[in-house]
C-alpha atoms as a PDB file:
ATOM      1  CA  MET A   1      -9.392  -2.905  16.343  1.00  0.00           C
ATOM      2  CA  THR A   2      -8.926  -5.395  13.470  1.00  0.00           C
ATOM      3  CA  GLN A   3     -12.439  -4.713  12.222  1.00  0.00           C
ATOM      4  CA  ASP A   4     -11.591  -1.036  11.820  1.00  0.00           C
ATOM      5  CA  TRP A   5      -8.482  -1.949   9.835  1.00  0.00           C
ATOM      6  CA  LEU A   6     -10.528  -4.306   7.652  1.00  0.00           C
ATOM      7  CA  GLU A   7     -12.774  -1.372   6.765  1.00  0.00           C
ATOM      8  CA  LEU A   8      -9.702   0.758   6.109  1.00  0.00           C
ATOM      9  CA  GLN A   9      -8.322  -1.961   3.833  1.00  0.00           C
ATOM     10  CA  ARG A  10     -11.515  -1.899   1.756  1.00  0.00           C
ATOM     11  CA  ARG A  11     -11.418   1.901   1.653  1.00  0.00           C
ATOM     12  CA  ALA A  12      -7.750   1.946   0.595  1.00  0.00           C
ATOM     13  CA  HIS A  13      -8.549  -0.466  -2.234  1.00  0.00           C
ATOM     14  CA  GLN A  14     -11.480   1.694  -3.338  1.00  0.00           C
ATOM     15  CA  GLU A  15      -9.271   4.783  -3.412  1.00  0.00           C
ATOM     16  CA  PHE A  16      -6.622   2.983  -5.466  1.00  0.00           C
ATOM     17  CA  ASP A  17      -9.281   1.561  -7.784  1.00  0.00           C
ATOM     18  CA  GLN A  18     -10.665   5.046  -8.449  1.00  0.00           C
ATOM     19  CA  ARG A  19      -7.230   6.330  -9.477  1.00  0.00           C
ATOM     20  CA  LEU A  20      -6.551   3.224 -11.547  1.00  0.00           C
ATOM     21  CA  ALA A  21      -9.639   3.972 -13.630  1.00  0.00           C
ATOM     22  CA  GLU A  22      -8.192   7.386 -14.535  1.00  0.00           C
ATOM     23  CA  ILE A  23      -4.870   6.200 -15.992  1.00  0.00           C
ATOM     24  CA  SER A  24      -4.276   7.266 -19.567  1.00  0.00           C
ATOM     25  CA  ASP A  25      -0.454   7.152 -19.672  1.00  0.00           C
ATOM     26  CA  TRP A  26       0.998   3.953 -18.264  1.00  0.00           C
ATOM     27  CA  ASP A  27       4.537   5.165 -18.975  1.00  0.00           C
ATOM     28  CA  ALA A  28       4.245   8.398 -16.976  1.00  0.00           C
ATOM     29  CA  SER A  29       6.816   8.898 -14.238  1.00  0.00           C
ATOM     30  CA  THR A  30       5.841   8.636 -10.574  1.00  0.00           C
ATOM     31  CA  PRO A  31       7.155  10.229  -7.376  1.00  0.00           C
ATOM     32  CA  ALA A  32       9.213   7.036  -6.996  1.00  0.00           C
ATOM     33  CA  THR A  33      11.554   8.126  -9.784  1.00  0.00           C
ATOM     34  CA  GLU A  34      12.613   4.626 -10.763  1.00  0.00           C
ATOM     35  CA  TRP A  35       9.008   3.586 -11.473  1.00  0.00           C
ATOM     36  CA  THR A  36       6.543   4.359 -14.219  1.00  0.00           C
ATOM     37  CA  VAL A  37       2.809   4.245 -13.554  1.00  0.00           C
ATOM     38  CA  ARG A  38       2.832   0.684 -14.901  1.00  0.00           C
ATOM     39  CA  ASP A  39       5.618  -0.310 -12.471  1.00  0.00           C
ATOM     40  CA  LEU A  40       3.800   1.274  -9.535  1.00  0.00           C
ATOM     41  CA  VAL A  41       0.514  -0.455 -10.347  1.00  0.00           C
ATOM     42  CA  ARG A  42       2.293  -3.790 -10.831  1.00  0.00           C
ATOM     43  CA  HIS A  43       3.942  -3.378  -7.426  1.00  0.00           C
ATOM     44  CA  VAL A  44       0.634  -2.725  -5.665  1.00  0.00           C
ATOM     45  CA  ILE A  45      -1.004  -5.696  -7.402  1.00  0.00           C
ATOM     46  CA  GLU A  46       1.911  -7.991  -6.600  1.00  0.00           C
ATOM     47  CA  GLU A  47       1.639  -7.052  -2.926  1.00  0.00           C
ATOM     48  CA  GLN A  48      -2.011  -8.146  -3.045  1.00  0.00           C
ATOM     49  CA  GLN A  49      -1.074 -11.455  -4.679  1.00  0.00           C
ATOM     50  CA  TRP A  50       0.903 -12.402  -1.570  1.00  0.00           C
ATOM     51  CA  VAL A  51      -1.898 -11.752   0.908  1.00  0.00           C
ATOM     52  CA  PRO A  52      -3.991 -14.956   0.571  1.00  0.00           C
ATOM     53  CA  TYR A  53      -0.900 -17.166   0.664  1.00  0.00           C
ATOM     54  CA  LEU A  54       0.683 -15.507   3.662  1.00  0.00           C
ATOM     55  CA  LEU A  55      -2.586 -15.362   5.595  1.00  0.00           C
ATOM     56  CA  ALA A  56      -3.033 -19.091   4.927  1.00  0.00           C
ATOM     57  CA  GLY A  57       0.299 -19.749   6.626  1.00  0.00           C
ATOM     58  CA  SER A  58       2.576 -20.106   3.609  1.00  0.00           C
ATOM     59  CA  SER A  59       6.134 -18.939   3.819  1.00  0.00           C
ATOM     60  CA  ILE A  60       7.509 -16.428   1.331  1.00  0.00           C
ATOM     61  CA  ALA A  61       9.413 -19.259  -0.409  1.00  0.00           C
ATOM     62  CA  VAL A  62       6.298 -21.400  -0.834  1.00  0.00           C
ATOM     63  CA  ALA A  63       4.135 -18.469  -1.892  1.00  0.00           C
ATOM     64  CA  ARG A  64       6.709 -17.344  -4.453  1.00  0.00           C
ATOM     65  CA  LYS A  65       6.412 -20.742  -6.190  1.00  0.00           C
ATOM     66  CA  GLU A  66       2.615 -20.456  -6.315  1.00  0.00           C
ATOM     67  CA  LEU A  67       2.256 -16.894  -7.586  1.00  0.00           C
ATOM     68  CA  GLU A  68       1.117 -16.438 -11.161  1.00  0.00           C
ATOM     69  CA  PRO A  69       2.894 -13.874 -13.335  1.00  0.00           C
ATOM     70  CA  LEU A  70       0.757 -10.794 -13.882  1.00  0.00           C
ATOM     71  CA  ARG A  71      -0.935 -10.464 -17.237  1.00  0.00           C
ATOM     72  CA  ASP A  72      -0.723  -7.240 -19.228  1.00  0.00           C
ATOM     73  CA  GLU A  73      -4.268  -6.041 -18.475  1.00  0.00           C
ATOM     74  CA  LEU A  74      -3.441  -4.499 -15.110  1.00  0.00           C
ATOM     75  CA  ARG A  75      -6.918  -3.147 -14.383  1.00  0.00           C
ATOM     76  CA  ALA A  76      -8.339  -6.677 -14.593  1.00  0.00           C
ATOM     77  CA  GLU A  77      -5.439  -8.029 -12.537  1.00  0.00           C
ATOM     78  CA  TRP A  78      -6.135  -5.410  -9.866  1.00  0.00           C
ATOM     79  CA  GLN A  79      -9.783  -6.441  -9.708  1.00  0.00           C
ATOM     80  CA  LEU A  80      -8.823 -10.107  -9.339  1.00  0.00           C
ATOM     81  CA  TYR A  81      -6.135  -9.701  -6.702  1.00  0.00           C
ATOM     82  CA  SER A  82      -7.826  -6.903  -4.792  1.00  0.00           C
ATOM     83  CA  PHE A  83     -10.875  -9.155  -4.416  1.00  0.00           C
ATOM     84  CA  ALA A  84      -8.724 -12.143  -3.409  1.00  0.00           C
ATOM     85  CA  ALA A  85      -6.828 -10.120  -0.813  1.00  0.00           C
ATOM     86  CA  THR A  86      -9.969  -8.531   0.624  1.00  0.00           C
ATOM     87  CA  THR A  87     -11.662 -11.920   0.848  1.00  0.00           C
ATOM     88  CA  ALA A  88      -8.623 -13.413   2.578  1.00  0.00           C
ATOM     89  CA  TRP A  89      -8.453 -10.578   5.110  1.00  0.00           C
ATOM     90  CA  GLU A  90     -12.130 -10.976   5.953  1.00  0.00           C
ATOM     91  CA  ALA A  91     -11.822 -14.766   6.366  1.00  0.00           C
ATOM     92  CA  THR A  92      -8.697 -14.759   8.541  1.00  0.00           C
ATOM     93  CA  SER A  93      -8.658 -14.988  12.298  1.00  0.00           C
ATOM     94  CA  PRO A  94      -6.953 -11.995  13.886  1.00  0.00           C
ATOM     95  CA  ASP A  95      -5.058 -14.475  16.095  1.00  0.00           C
ATOM     96  CA  ILE A  96      -2.816 -15.853  13.355  1.00  0.00           C
ATOM     97  CA  MET A  97       0.824 -14.982  12.882  1.00  0.00           C
ATOM     98  CA  VAL A  98       2.122 -14.149   9.409  1.00  0.00           C
ATOM     99  CA  GLN A  99       5.590 -14.949   8.089  1.00  0.00           C
ATOM    100  CA  LEU A 100       6.980 -11.971   6.198  1.00  0.00           C
ATOM    101  CA  SER A 101      10.419 -11.595   4.657  1.00  0.00           C
ATOM    102  CA  TYR A 102      11.753  -9.660   7.635  1.00  0.00           C
ATOM    103  CA  ASP A 103       9.831 -11.114  10.605  1.00  0.00           C
ATOM    104  CA  THR A 104       6.795 -13.014  11.819  1.00  0.00           C
ATOM    105  CA  VAL A 105       4.052 -10.549  12.740  1.00  0.00           C
ATOM    106  CA  THR A 106       0.444 -10.560  13.840  1.00  0.00           C
ATOM    107  CA  MET A 107      -2.280 -10.510  11.244  1.00  0.00           C
ATOM    108  CA  GLU A 108      -3.149  -6.963  12.304  1.00  0.00           C
ATOM    109  CA  GLU A 109       0.434  -5.751  11.899  1.00  0.00           C
ATOM    110  CA  TYR A 110       0.475  -7.149   8.366  1.00  0.00           C
ATOM    111  CA  LEU A 111      -2.940  -5.626   7.661  1.00  0.00           C
ATOM    112  CA  ARG A 112      -1.774  -2.212   8.891  1.00  0.00           C
ATOM    113  CA  GLU A 113       1.325  -2.483   6.687  1.00  0.00           C
ATOM    114  CA  GLN A 114      -0.806  -3.378   3.660  1.00  0.00           C
ATOM    115  CA  VAL A 115      -3.255  -0.528   4.241  1.00  0.00           C
ATOM    116  CA  ALA A 116      -0.324   1.869   4.568  1.00  0.00           C
ATOM    117  CA  ASP A 117       1.301   0.598   1.369  1.00  0.00           C
ATOM    118  CA  VAL A 118      -1.842   0.917  -0.753  1.00  0.00           C
ATOM    119  CA  THR A 119      -2.668   4.333   0.721  1.00  0.00           C
ATOM    120  CA  ILE A 120       0.749   5.856   0.083  1.00  0.00           C
ATOM    121  CA  HIS A 121       0.869   4.383  -3.413  1.00  0.00           C
ATOM    122  CA  THR A 122      -2.590   5.772  -4.123  1.00  0.00           C
ATOM    123  CA  TRP A 123      -1.141   9.231  -3.601  1.00  0.00           C
ATOM    124  CA  ASP A 124       1.862   8.321  -5.778  1.00  0.00           C
ATOM    125  CA  LEU A 125      -0.502   7.237  -8.531  1.00  0.00           C
ATOM    126  CA  SER A 126      -2.627  10.359  -8.111  1.00  0.00           C
ATOM    127  CA  ARG A 127       0.407  12.607  -8.445  1.00  0.00           C
ATOM    128  CA  ALA A 128       1.684  10.679 -11.476  1.00  0.00           C
ATOM    129  CA  ILE A 129      -1.565  10.871 -13.427  1.00  0.00           C
ATOM    130  CA  GLY A 130      -2.751  14.301 -12.293  1.00  0.00           C
ATOM    131  CA  ALA A 131      -5.743  12.912 -10.378  1.00  0.00           C
ATOM    132  CA  GLU A 132      -7.217  14.134  -7.101  1.00  0.00           C
ATOM    133  CA  GLU A 133      -4.431  13.836  -4.516  1.00  0.00           C
ATOM    134  CA  THR A 134      -6.538  14.133  -1.380  1.00  0.00           C
ATOM    135  CA  ILE A 135      -6.701  10.777   0.369  1.00  0.00           C
ATOM    136  CA  ASP A 136      -9.624   9.816   2.602  1.00  0.00           C
ATOM    137  CA  ALA A 137      -8.999  11.433   6.003  1.00  0.00           C
ATOM    138  CA  SER A 138      -9.611   8.221   7.956  1.00  0.00           C
ATOM    139  CA  LEU A 139      -6.921   6.475   5.897  1.00  0.00           C
ATOM    140  CA  VAL A 140      -4.477   9.325   6.425  1.00  0.00           C
ATOM    141  CA  GLU A 141      -5.087   9.281  10.190  1.00  0.00           C
ATOM    142  CA  ALA A 142      -4.702   5.498  10.407  1.00  0.00           C
ATOM    143  CA  VAL A 143      -1.612   5.314   8.229  1.00  0.00           C
ATOM    144  CA  TRP A 144      -0.028   8.121  10.249  1.00  0.00           C
ATOM    145  CA  THR A 145      -0.194   5.788  13.269  1.00  0.00           C
ATOM    146  CA  VAL A 146       1.849   3.266  11.272  1.00  0.00           C
ATOM    147  CA  PHE A 147       4.565   5.607   9.989  1.00  0.00           C
ATOM    148  CA  GLU A 148       4.904   8.341  12.612  1.00  0.00           C
ATOM    149  CA  PRO A 149       6.363   6.034  15.304  1.00  0.00           C
ATOM    150  CA  GLN A 150       8.927   4.840  12.732  1.00  0.00           C
ATOM    151  CA  LYS A 151       9.855   8.233  11.322  1.00  0.00           C
ATOM    152  CA  GLU A 152      13.435   8.043  12.577  1.00  0.00           C
ATOM    153  CA  THR A 153      14.092   4.701  10.899  1.00  0.00           C
ATOM    154  CA  LEU A 154      12.098   4.972   7.648  1.00  0.00           C
ATOM    155  CA  ALA A 155      14.850   6.490   5.524  1.00  0.00           C
ATOM    156  CA  ALA A 156      17.433   4.143   7.041  1.00  0.00           C
ATOM    157  CA  SER A 157      15.290   1.182   5.993  1.00  0.00           C
ATOM    158  CA  GLY A 158      16.034   1.883   2.344  1.00  0.00           C
ATOM    159  CA  LEU A 159      12.333   1.646   1.499  1.00  0.00           C
ATOM    160  CA  PHE A 160      11.798   5.405   1.626  1.00  0.00           C
ATOM    161  CA  ALA A 161      13.662   8.536   0.678  1.00  0.00           C
ATOM    162  CA  SER A 162      14.720  10.938   3.398  1.00  0.00           C
ATOM    163  CA  PRO A 163      11.849  12.825   5.029  1.00  0.00           C
ATOM    164  CA  VAL A 164      10.872  16.079   3.341  1.00  0.00           C
ATOM    165  CA  PRO A 165      10.755  19.082   5.685  1.00  0.00           C
ATOM    166  CA  VAL A 166       7.255  20.464   6.249  1.00  0.00           C
ATOM    167  CA  PRO A 167       5.970  22.723   9.023  1.00  0.00           C
ATOM    168  CA  ASP A 168       4.821  20.978  12.206  1.00  0.00           C
ATOM    169  CA  ASP A 169       1.377  22.494  11.681  1.00  0.00           C
ATOM    170  CA  ALA A 170       1.063  21.270   8.067  1.00  0.00           C
ATOM    171  CA  PRO A 171      -2.055  19.225   7.315  1.00  0.00           C
ATOM    172  CA  LEU A 172      -1.722  15.600   8.397  1.00  0.00           C
ATOM    173  CA  GLN A 173      -1.667  14.262   4.835  1.00  0.00           C
ATOM    174  CA  GLN A 174       1.302  16.509   4.033  1.00  0.00           C
ATOM    175  CA  ARG A 175       3.156  15.377   7.167  1.00  0.00           C
ATOM    176  CA  LEU A 176       2.424  11.728   6.332  1.00  0.00           C
ATOM    177  CA  LEU A 177       3.717  12.055   2.793  1.00  0.00           C
ATOM    178  CA  ALA A 178       6.760  14.015   3.968  1.00  0.00           C
ATOM    179  CA  VAL A 179       7.736  11.380   6.531  1.00  0.00           C
ATOM    180  CA  THR A 180       7.705   8.782   3.736  1.00  0.00           C
ATOM    181  CA  GLY A 181      10.039  10.911   1.623  1.00  0.00           C
ATOM    182  CA  ARG A 182       7.419  12.392  -0.671  1.00  0.00           C
ATOM    183  CA  ASP A 183       7.182  16.086  -1.442  1.00  0.00           C
ATOM    184  CA  PRO A 184       3.496  16.894  -0.879  1.00  0.00           C
ATOM    185  CA  ARG A 185       3.743  20.396  -2.376  1.00  0.00           C
END
């Protein structure tokens, strides 16, 4: 199962990278109303910065001391940290446990969370810059398995807006976005 998620991680990074190449307005608003495109991209990169440290067994406190501030050239920073994260995922035993801010989880649980984060934010970036919004179907299907079981608690977590109503027979990507508080229409 982990091998499939490793492939999904690479695919999620490719999808994000494609949208990143299309940015012309870094100050454009995003579906996450408090963020600009620049803020969104910085967030996704910062999440990748953590990966090698946490997979190597560092705590959040130790990793925080080691992280370098992001430079202004965000496309180059993405390339650097995307590569570092991907390399770390590929080199890590699926048997390790990872200390996150809220819990200690398996490597695969952390990997699934990371794939979900990059995938959802790829759509956010697409919407913000007017790029192709269709996400790779295998990513949508996989990320659905992360969010659908949590749909009752996502809004309560404070990480997502309230779910957006969509028909039960809406395409899976629309249902996925809706459950994470995004209006897919």
